[in-house]
Amino acid sequence: ARPEHTATRGEQLIVDMATRYYGESITHACALLGRTVDRIEAGFDYVLAEREYDLGSFVVPAGTMGSVLHTFTAIVEDKPFFRLEEHFICHPEVSPIPLPSHDHWTVLIEGAPTSIRTTIEMAPSFTETRHVTAPIAYYATAMPMLQAIPVVVAAEPGIV
């Protein structure tokens, strides 16, 4: 059993910031689906690291958060409509979920009459040995943002 934990001020600030950040994306996605979000409900859970993990670019000390789960649920017409879960896991030993690969995303769409689940795996290469200096997910998320800068700068003012 995990010891009781009351969020520190810093942890609460992170949850609040993430709720604002993801809230905008979730609200936009819901709007594209023709829905108006009543509110975003945020959740936060974690697994403590029982030992130190050296991840190369930083160290996760024993007794600190070895994995963190953030959940953000869009409530539409008083019912959950859209949910985003984000797991940050420093090592498979502290993972609360099965890990199909080191860097991956699972997308689940629950609907009627059909539901869909897909997993997207990332690696420097699936056919040859290549080393990268940062976790591959950083390249997959940061590079599109950097590449968008000239497009955004050249765009007409306004919100799309």
C-alpha atoms as a PDB file:
ATOM      1  CA  ALA A   1       0.000   0.000   0.000  1.00  0.00           C
ATOM      2  CA  ARG A   2       1.200   3.473  -0.856  1.00  0.00           C
ATOM      3  CA  PRO A   3       1.602   5.961   1.978  1.00  0.00           C
ATOM      4  CA  GLU A   4      -0.977   8.732   2.108  1.00  0.00           C
ATOM      5  CA  HIS A   5       0.197  11.750   0.180  1.00  0.00           C
ATOM      6  CA  THR A   6      -1.162  15.272   0.149  1.00  0.00           C
ATOM      7  CA  ALA A   7      -0.083  17.164  -2.940  1.00  0.00           C
ATOM      8  CA  THR A   8       2.612  19.712  -2.264  1.00  0.00           C
ATOM      9  CA  ARG A   9       2.133  23.269  -3.489  1.00  0.00           C
ATOM     10  CA  GLY A  10       4.507  22.515  -6.390  1.00  0.00           C
ATOM     11  CA  GLU A  11       2.631  19.352  -7.352  1.00  0.00           C
ATOM     12  CA  GLN A  12      -0.690  21.200  -7.239  1.00  0.00           C
ATOM     13  CA  LEU A  13       0.731  23.965  -9.436  1.00  0.00           C
ATOM     14  CA  ILE A  14       1.809  21.334 -11.988  1.00  0.00           C
ATOM     15  CA  VAL A  15      -1.658  19.737 -11.980  1.00  0.00           C
ATOM     16  CA  ASP A  16      -3.325  23.166 -12.347  1.00  0.00           C
ATOM     17  CA  MET A  17      -0.989  24.152 -15.201  1.00  0.00           C
ATOM     18  CA  ALA A  18      -1.517  20.810 -16.963  1.00  0.00           C
ATOM     19  CA  THR A  19      -5.289  21.155 -16.574  1.00  0.00           C
ATOM     20  CA  ARG A  20      -5.210  24.567 -18.275  1.00  0.00           C
ATOM     21  CA  TYR A  21      -2.859  23.307 -21.009  1.00  0.00           C
ATOM     22  CA  TYR A  22      -4.720  20.086 -21.762  1.00  0.00           C
ATOM     23  CA  GLY A  23      -8.084  21.703 -21.099  1.00  0.00           C
ATOM     24  CA  GLU A  24      -7.638  23.914 -24.147  1.00  0.00           C
ATOM     25  CA  SER A  25      -6.774  20.956 -26.392  1.00  0.00           C
ATOM     26  CA  ILE A  26      -9.587  18.807 -25.022  1.00  0.00           C
ATOM     27  CA  THR A  27     -12.120  21.633 -25.308  1.00  0.00           C
ATOM     28  CA  HIS A  28     -11.030  22.220 -28.912  1.00  0.00           C
ATOM     29  CA  ALA A  29     -11.316  18.485 -29.744  1.00  0.00           C
ATOM     30  CA  CYS A  30     -14.804  18.388 -28.228  1.00  0.00           C
ATOM     31  CA  ALA A  31     -15.806  21.498 -30.202  1.00  0.00           C
ATOM     32  CA  LEU A  32     -14.674  19.756 -33.400  1.00  0.00           C
ATOM     33  CA  LEU A  33     -17.005  16.905 -32.394  1.00  0.00           C
ATOM     34  CA  GLY A  34     -19.851  19.406 -31.949  1.00  0.00           C
ATOM     35  CA  ARG A  35     -19.865  19.384 -28.140  1.00  0.00           C
ATOM     36  CA  THR A  36     -19.530  22.135 -25.542  1.00  0.00           C
ATOM     37  CA  VAL A  37     -17.493  21.247 -22.461  1.00  0.00           C
ATOM     38  CA  ASP A  38     -19.123  21.998 -19.101  1.00  0.00           C
ATOM     39  CA  ARG A  39     -15.852  21.510 -17.193  1.00  0.00           C
ATOM     40  CA  ILE A  40     -12.591  19.575 -17.122  1.00  0.00           C
ATOM     41  CA  GLU A  41     -12.022  17.221 -14.187  1.00  0.00           C
ATOM     42  CA  ALA A  42      -8.352  16.513 -13.451  1.00  0.00           C
ATOM     43  CA  GLY A  43      -6.883  13.556 -11.607  1.00  0.00           C
ATOM     44  CA  PHE A  44      -3.406  12.766 -10.403  1.00  0.00           C
ATOM     45  CA  ASP A  45      -1.879   9.515  -9.166  1.00  0.00           C
ATOM     46  CA  TYR A  46       1.643   8.196  -8.779  1.00  0.00           C
ATOM     47  CA  VAL A  47       3.886   5.277  -7.864  1.00  0.00           C
ATOM     48  CA  LEU A  48       6.939   5.950  -5.694  1.00  0.00           C
ATOM     49  CA  ALA A  49      10.349   4.788  -6.839  1.00  0.00           C
ATOM     50  CA  GLU A  50      11.667   2.306  -4.295  1.00  0.00           C
ATOM     51  CA  ARG A  51      15.205   2.748  -5.586  1.00  0.00           C
ATOM     52  CA  GLU A  52      17.166   5.341  -7.578  1.00  0.00           C
ATOM     53  CA  TYR A  53      16.830   5.302 -11.370  1.00  0.00           C
ATOM     54  CA  ASP A  54      19.542   6.912 -13.492  1.00  0.00           C
ATOM     55  CA  LEU A  55      17.862   7.860 -16.764  1.00  0.00           C
ATOM     56  CA  GLY A  56      20.920   9.419 -18.354  1.00  0.00           C
ATOM     57  CA  SER A  57      19.652  12.984 -18.583  1.00  0.00           C
ATOM     58  CA  PHE A  58      18.440  13.016 -14.971  1.00  0.00           C
ATOM     59  CA  VAL A  59      18.126  10.837 -11.868  1.00  0.00           C
ATOM     60  CA  VAL A  60      14.876   9.801 -10.163  1.00  0.00           C
ATOM     61  CA  PRO A  61      15.805   9.442  -6.471  1.00  0.00           C
ATOM     62  CA  ALA A  62      14.333   6.667  -4.309  1.00  0.00           C
ATOM     63  CA  GLY A  63      11.207   7.828  -2.488  1.00  0.00           C
ATOM     64  CA  THR A  64      10.177  10.254  -5.239  1.00  0.00           C
ATOM     65  CA  MET A  65       7.631   9.773  -8.006  1.00  0.00           C
ATOM     66  CA  GLY A  66       8.724   6.953 -10.301  1.00  0.00           C
ATOM     67  CA  SER A  67       5.580   7.135 -12.399  1.00  0.00           C
ATOM     68  CA  VAL A  68       2.860   9.734 -12.605  1.00  0.00           C
ATOM     69  CA  LEU A  69      -0.610   9.463 -14.097  1.00  0.00           C
ATOM     70  CA  HIS A  70      -2.499  12.591 -15.092  1.00  0.00           C
ATOM     71  CA  THR A  71      -6.119  12.267 -16.225  1.00  0.00           C
ATOM     72  CA  PHE A  72      -8.249  14.970 -17.772  1.00  0.00           C
ATOM     73  CA  THR A  73     -11.925  14.298 -18.416  1.00  0.00           C
ATOM     74  CA  ALA A  74     -14.202  16.621 -20.356  1.00  0.00           C
ATOM     75  CA  ILE A  75     -17.672  16.657 -18.852  1.00  0.00           C
ATOM     76  CA  VAL A  76     -20.386  17.348 -21.436  1.00  0.00           C
ATOM     77  CA  GLU A  77     -24.040  17.541 -20.389  1.00  0.00           C
ATOM     78  CA  ASP A  78     -23.021  16.258 -16.921  1.00  0.00           C
ATOM     79  CA  LYS A  79     -21.426  13.048 -18.334  1.00  0.00           C
ATOM     80  CA  PRO A  80     -17.821  12.105 -19.137  1.00  0.00           C
ATOM     81  CA  PHE A  81     -17.346  12.617 -22.888  1.00  0.00           C
ATOM     82  CA  PHE A  82     -13.600  12.805 -23.603  1.00  0.00           C
ATOM     83  CA  ARG A  83     -10.719  11.552 -21.457  1.00  0.00           C
ATOM     84  CA  LEU A  84      -6.995  12.023 -21.827  1.00  0.00           C
ATOM     85  CA  GLU A  85      -4.610   9.967 -19.689  1.00  0.00           C
ATOM     86  CA  GLU A  86      -0.915  10.688 -19.634  1.00  0.00           C
ATOM     87  CA  HIS A  87       1.528   8.340 -17.927  1.00  0.00           C
ATOM     88  CA  PHE A  88       5.105   9.393 -17.218  1.00  0.00           C
ATOM     89  CA  ILE A  89       7.010   6.249 -16.258  1.00  0.00           C
ATOM     90  CA  CYS A  90      10.705   6.325 -15.408  1.00  0.00           C
ATOM     91  CA  HIS A  91      11.211   2.538 -15.527  1.00  0.00           C
ATOM     92  CA  PRO A  92       9.070  -0.560 -16.195  1.00  0.00           C
ATOM     93  CA  GLU A  93       9.570  -1.605 -12.529  1.00  0.00           C
ATOM     94  CA  VAL A  94       7.349   1.295 -11.411  1.00  0.00           C
ATOM     95  CA  SER A  95       4.790   1.081 -14.194  1.00  0.00           C
ATOM     96  CA  PRO A  96       1.168   0.712 -13.056  1.00  0.00           C
ATOM     97  CA  ILE A  97       0.209  -0.504 -16.554  1.00  0.00           C
ATOM     98  CA  PRO A  98       1.646  -3.034 -19.029  1.00  0.00           C
ATOM     99  CA  LEU A  99       4.191  -1.444 -21.373  1.00  0.00           C
ATOM    100  CA  PRO A 100       4.174  -2.770 -24.943  1.00  0.00           C
ATOM    101  CA  SER A 101       7.323  -0.741 -25.726  1.00  0.00           C
ATOM    102  CA  HIS A 102       9.486   2.014 -24.282  1.00  0.00           C
ATOM    103  CA  ASP A 103       7.852   4.940 -26.111  1.00  0.00           C
ATOM    104  CA  HIS A 104       4.279   4.496 -27.210  1.00  0.00           C
ATOM    105  CA  TRP A 105       0.822   6.008 -27.282  1.00  0.00           C
ATOM    106  CA  THR A 106      -2.439   4.109 -26.996  1.00  0.00           C
ATOM    107  CA  VAL A 107      -5.504   5.739 -28.489  1.00  0.00           C
ATOM    108  CA  LEU A 108      -8.864   4.326 -27.403  1.00  0.00           C
ATOM    109  CA  ILE A 109     -12.143   5.515 -28.861  1.00  0.00           C
ATOM    110  CA  GLU A 110     -15.167   4.016 -27.133  1.00  0.00           C
ATOM    111  CA  GLY A 111     -18.226   4.388 -29.292  1.00  0.00           C
ATOM    112  CA  ALA A 112     -21.279   2.688 -30.734  1.00  0.00           C
ATOM    113  CA  PRO A 113     -21.566   0.553 -32.716  1.00  0.00           C
ATOM    114  CA  THR A 114     -17.759   0.223 -32.918  1.00  0.00           C
ATOM    115  CA  SER A 115     -14.872   1.046 -30.592  1.00  0.00           C
ATOM    116  CA  ILE A 116     -11.239   1.400 -31.665  1.00  0.00           C
ATOM    117  CA  ARG A 117      -7.903   0.952 -29.886  1.00  0.00           C
ATOM    118  CA  THR A 118      -4.537   1.439 -31.518  1.00  0.00           C
ATOM    119  CA  THR A 119      -1.017   1.599 -30.130  1.00  0.00           C
ATOM    120  CA  ILE A 120       1.656   3.682 -31.784  1.00  0.00           C
ATOM    121  CA  GLU A 121       5.216   2.632 -30.984  1.00  0.00           C
ATOM    122  CA  MET A 122       8.277   4.815 -31.519  1.00  0.00           C
ATOM    123  CA  ALA A 123      11.944   3.926 -31.777  1.00  0.00           C
ATOM    124  CA  PRO A 124      15.032   5.492 -33.385  1.00  0.00           C
ATOM    125  CA  SER A 125      14.754   2.566 -35.847  1.00  0.00           C
ATOM    126  CA  PHE A 126      12.924  -0.740 -35.933  1.00  0.00           C
ATOM    127  CA  THR A 127      15.441  -2.329 -38.323  1.00  0.00           C
ATOM    128  CA  GLU A 128      18.875  -1.090 -37.248  1.00  0.00           C
ATOM    129  CA  THR A 129      20.737   0.013 -34.149  1.00  0.00           C
ATOM    130  CA  ARG A 130      20.715   3.778 -33.717  1.00  0.00           C
ATOM    131  CA  HIS A 131      21.310   5.849 -30.625  1.00  0.00           C
ATOM    132  CA  VAL A 132      19.678   9.164 -29.864  1.00  0.00           C
ATOM    133  CA  THR A 133      20.604  11.679 -27.187  1.00  0.00           C
ATOM    134  CA  ALA A 134      17.092  12.239 -25.827  1.00  0.00           C
ATOM    135  CA  PRO A 135      14.057   9.998 -25.352  1.00  0.00           C
ATOM    136  CA  ILE A 136      12.515   9.381 -28.757  1.00  0.00           C
ATOM    137  CA  ALA A 137       9.171  10.829 -27.612  1.00  0.00           C
ATOM    138  CA  TYR A 138      10.889  14.216 -27.222  1.00  0.00           C
ATOM    139  CA  TYR A 139      11.696  14.171 -30.938  1.00  0.00           C
ATOM    140  CA  ALA A 140       8.142  13.134 -31.806  1.00  0.00           C
ATOM    141  CA  THR A 141       6.562  15.932 -29.768  1.00  0.00           C
ATOM    142  CA  ALA A 142       9.080  18.782 -29.818  1.00  0.00           C
ATOM    143  CA  MET A 143      10.096  18.668 -33.481  1.00  0.00           C
ATOM    144  CA  PRO A 144       6.591  19.324 -34.899  1.00  0.00           C
ATOM    145  CA  MET A 145       6.274  22.295 -32.541  1.00  0.00           C
ATOM    146  CA  LEU A 146       9.625  23.723 -33.651  1.00  0.00           C
ATOM    147  CA  GLN A 147       8.772  23.130 -37.315  1.00  0.00           C
ATOM    148  CA  ALA A 148       5.473  24.988 -36.821  1.00  0.00           C
ATOM    149  CA  ILE A 149       7.174  28.235 -35.760  1.00  0.00           C
ATOM    150  CA  PRO A 150       7.749  29.652 -39.280  1.00  0.00           C
ATOM    151  CA  VAL A 151       4.211  28.651 -40.319  1.00  0.00           C
ATOM    152  CA  VAL A 152       2.692  30.394 -37.295  1.00  0.00           C
ATOM    153  CA  VAL A 153       4.847  33.494 -37.768  1.00  0.00           C
ATOM    154  CA  ALA A 154       3.824  33.736 -41.444  1.00  0.00           C
ATOM    155  CA  ALA A 155       0.109  33.190 -40.737  1.00  0.00           C
ATOM    156  CA  GLU A 156      -2.506  35.908 -40.626  1.00  0.00           C
ATOM    157  CA  PRO A 157      -3.507  36.995 -37.079  1.00  0.00           C
ATOM    158  CA  GLY A 158      -6.340  35.029 -35.511  1.00  0.00           C
ATOM    159  CA  ILE A 159      -7.246  31.665 -34.027  1.00  0.00           C
ATOM    160  CA  VAL A 160      -7.814  28.555 -36.113  1.00  0.00           C
END
